[in-house]
Structures are given as structure tokens and as C-alpha cells.
Amino acid sequence: MKQENQIEKFIELRIEGKSFDFIAKELHTSKQTLLEWNKEVKTRNAVQEGKTLKTNSIVKSFGFDLQNRLNGYLELSQRIKDELAKRDLTTVNTETLLKMSIANDERIKSLVNKNFEFGKNKSVWEFGVNENGFFNMNLDE
């Protein structure tokens, strides 16, 4: 029972990327014992699966962060365009808003040049500018 607990702890520490030397000190066991445990297919598979889950979690959280930033830029772009529609384009503030709109559209373009995958069917959303200068979102099936 104690050895099973130690092997579980060994797997957790390996998933975290800890060295055999560190783990040997942590578990008060020899490095040779750890190497023997690591030779077992079940143990190696558990470590690999844990590392994969950890990596996927990091990638997924980055994707959501990227999606949130994109949504924020799109919302800001729409607010700027709505404000521009209300204004006389000869004012200084309008010029500033146009510059902001162009800069924001560039941010959006730089983000959407990367492909985003959503859902189980891994459909890819493609973004493009239409004839009015607005972004279209078309689902590529």
C-alpha cells in the first residue's frame, strides 16, 4: 500500500516535470527504485497521459483567452463604427476615431490570421473583409 502511494506521488511529480533526483529526495527512496518504476508501462503511460492533459489544458486556456480578446476587439470596432456613423467626418475627433478603427481592424486581422477551431467537428471559422470594410464570419464546413 505504501509503495502504491509512493508510485502515485512519483507519477504526479513526473507530470509536473520534476527530476528523478528531486523525486528521490522527496519520496525518501533511491533513484534506482524510481528508474525501475519508470520502466513499467503502466507508470510511463500514466505520466504521459498526465503530461498530455496538462498541455491540453494550457492550450485550451490560451485559446479561450485569444477568443475573448478577439470578441473585445470586434465589439470595440463596432462601437467605433457606430460612433463614426453619427459624426461629421470633417472634425478632428472623427479623424482620431478613423485612426482607432484602422488600428483596431489591424489587431483583428492579426488575430484572425490564425485558424480557430470550435466544437466537436473542428469547424474552422474564416474571417474576411467585405466590400464595406466590415468583417464577415463564414463557417467553413
Protein backbone atom coordinates (compact mmCIF):
# COMPACT_ATOMS: atom_id res chain seq x y z
CA MET A 1 0.00 0.00 0.00
CA LYS A 2 2.78 2.43 0.91
CA GLN A 3 4.59 1.64 -2.35
CA GLU A 4 1.40 2.26 -4.36
CA ASN A 5 1.07 5.69 -2.72
CA GLN A 6 4.71 6.42 -3.49
CA ILE A 7 4.24 5.40 -7.13
CA GLU A 8 1.20 7.68 -7.39
CA LYS A 9 3.22 10.55 -5.94
CA PHE A 10 6.08 9.68 -8.31
CA ILE A 11 3.67 9.93 -11.27
CA GLU A 12 2.33 13.31 -10.05
CA LEU A 13 5.84 14.72 -9.65
CA ARG A 14 6.94 13.43 -13.08
CA ILE A 15 3.88 15.07 -14.66
CA GLU A 16 4.99 18.33 -13.02
CA GLY A 17 8.39 17.83 -14.68
CA LYS A 18 10.40 17.12 -11.52
CA SER A 19 13.73 15.33 -11.91
CA PHE A 20 14.46 11.84 -10.63
CA ASP A 21 16.95 13.30 -8.15
CA PHE A 22 14.33 15.69 -6.76
CA ILE A 23 11.71 12.94 -6.53
CA ALA A 24 14.13 10.53 -4.84
CA LYS A 25 14.75 13.09 -2.09
CA GLU A 26 11.04 13.95 -1.83
CA LEU A 27 9.93 10.30 -1.51
CA HIS A 28 12.96 9.19 0.52
CA THR A 29 13.78 6.45 -1.94
CA SER A 30 16.64 5.65 -4.28
CA LYS A 31 16.93 6.95 -7.80
CA GLN A 32 17.34 3.34 -8.95
CA THR A 33 13.91 2.47 -7.49
CA LEU A 34 12.38 5.36 -9.41
CA LEU A 35 14.03 4.20 -12.61
CA GLU A 36 12.55 0.73 -12.07
CA TRP A 37 9.08 2.20 -11.52
CA ASN A 38 9.54 4.31 -14.65
CA LYS A 39 10.26 1.18 -16.72
CA GLU A 40 6.76 -0.13 -16.03
CA VAL A 41 4.46 0.51 -18.99
CA LYS A 42 1.52 1.39 -16.74
CA THR A 43 3.56 4.06 -14.95
CA ARG A 44 5.03 5.52 -18.15
CA ASN A 45 1.56 5.66 -19.73
CA ALA A 46 0.12 7.42 -16.66
CA VAL A 47 2.91 10.02 -16.75
CA GLN A 48 2.49 10.58 -20.50
CA GLU A 49 -1.30 10.88 -20.18
CA GLY A 50 -0.93 13.37 -17.33
CA LYS A 51 1.54 15.49 -19.31
CA THR A 52 -0.81 15.45 -22.31
CA LEU A 53 -3.78 16.54 -20.18
CA LYS A 54 -1.70 19.33 -18.65
CA THR A 55 -0.54 20.53 -22.07
CA ASN A 56 -4.07 20.41 -23.49
CA SER A 57 -5.33 22.43 -20.55
CA ILE A 58 -2.74 25.13 -21.19
CA VAL A 59 -3.52 25.23 -24.91
CA LYS A 60 -7.27 25.36 -24.24
CA SER A 61 -6.95 28.21 -21.75
CA PHE A 62 -4.84 30.17 -24.25
CA GLY A 63 -7.46 29.61 -26.94
CA PHE A 64 -10.23 30.96 -24.75
CA ASP A 65 -8.12 33.96 -23.85
CA LEU A 66 -7.47 34.61 -27.52
CA GLN A 67 -11.17 34.25 -28.29
CA ASN A 68 -12.09 36.73 -25.54
CA ARG A 69 -9.58 39.27 -26.84
CA LEU A 70 -10.94 38.90 -30.35
CA ASN A 71 -14.51 39.39 -29.13
CA GLY A 72 -13.41 42.54 -27.27
CA TYR A 73 -11.71 43.95 -30.39
CA LEU A 74 -14.76 43.18 -32.53
CA GLU A 75 -17.06 44.89 -30.02
CA LEU A 76 -14.79 47.95 -29.88
CA SER A 77 -14.68 48.05 -33.68
CA GLN A 78 -18.46 48.06 -33.87
CA ARG A 79 -18.76 50.82 -31.23
CA ILE A 80 -16.24 52.97 -33.15
CA LYS A 81 -18.10 52.42 -36.42
CA ASP A 82 -21.43 53.24 -34.73
CA GLU A 83 -19.96 56.47 -33.35
CA LEU A 84 -18.45 57.37 -36.74
CA ALA A 85 -21.86 56.95 -38.39
CA LYS A 86 -23.25 59.64 -36.06
CA ARG A 87 -20.48 62.19 -36.70
CA ASP A 88 -19.44 64.70 -39.31
CA LEU A 89 -16.25 63.32 -40.83
CA THR A 90 -14.57 66.76 -41.01
CA THR A 91 -13.97 67.01 -37.24
CA VAL A 92 -10.68 66.21 -35.55
CA ASN A 93 -12.33 63.67 -33.30
CA THR A 94 -13.60 61.81 -36.35
CA GLU A 95 -10.05 61.60 -37.70
CA THR A 96 -8.94 60.16 -34.41
CA LEU A 97 -11.80 57.66 -34.50
CA LEU A 98 -10.87 56.61 -38.05
CA LYS A 99 -7.29 56.01 -36.94
CA MET A 100 -8.59 53.98 -34.00
CA SER A 101 -10.83 51.99 -36.32
CA ILE A 102 -7.94 51.17 -38.67
CA ALA A 103 -5.69 50.19 -35.76
CA ASN A 104 -8.40 48.03 -34.25
CA ASP A 105 -9.13 46.36 -37.60
CA GLU A 106 -5.40 45.56 -37.89
CA ARG A 107 -5.50 43.93 -34.44
CA ILE A 108 -8.47 41.86 -35.54
CA LYS A 109 -6.73 40.84 -38.78
CA SER A 110 -3.61 39.78 -36.89
CA LEU A 111 -5.67 37.62 -34.55
CA VAL A 112 -7.84 36.01 -37.19
CA ASN A 113 -4.96 35.17 -39.49
CA LYS A 114 -4.66 32.22 -37.13
CA ASN A 115 -7.27 29.48 -37.55
CA PHE A 116 -9.68 28.91 -34.67
CA GLU A 117 -11.26 25.52 -34.11
CA PHE A 118 -14.62 25.27 -32.37
CA GLY A 119 -16.84 22.36 -31.45
CA LYS A 120 -16.58 18.64 -31.90
CA ASN A 121 -16.49 18.78 -35.68
CA LYS A 122 -13.49 21.12 -35.54
CA SER A 123 -15.05 23.56 -37.98
CA VAL A 124 -12.76 26.43 -38.84
CA TRP A 125 -14.08 29.98 -38.80
CA GLU A 126 -12.66 32.18 -41.53
CA PHE A 127 -12.73 35.94 -41.31
CA GLY A 128 -12.60 38.33 -44.25
CA VAL A 129 -13.32 41.96 -45.03
CA ASN A 130 -16.41 42.63 -47.16
CA GLU A 131 -16.87 45.48 -49.66
CA ASN A 132 -17.94 47.87 -46.87
CA GLY A 133 -14.79 47.25 -44.86
CA PHE A 134 -16.56 45.15 -42.23
CA PHE A 135 -15.53 41.65 -41.18
CA ASN A 136 -17.54 38.66 -42.34
CA MET A 137 -17.51 35.37 -40.45
CA ASN A 138 -18.19 32.31 -42.58
CA LEU A 139 -18.19 28.74 -41.30
CA ASP A 140 -16.02 26.56 -43.49
CA GLU A 141 -17.76 23.17 -43.45
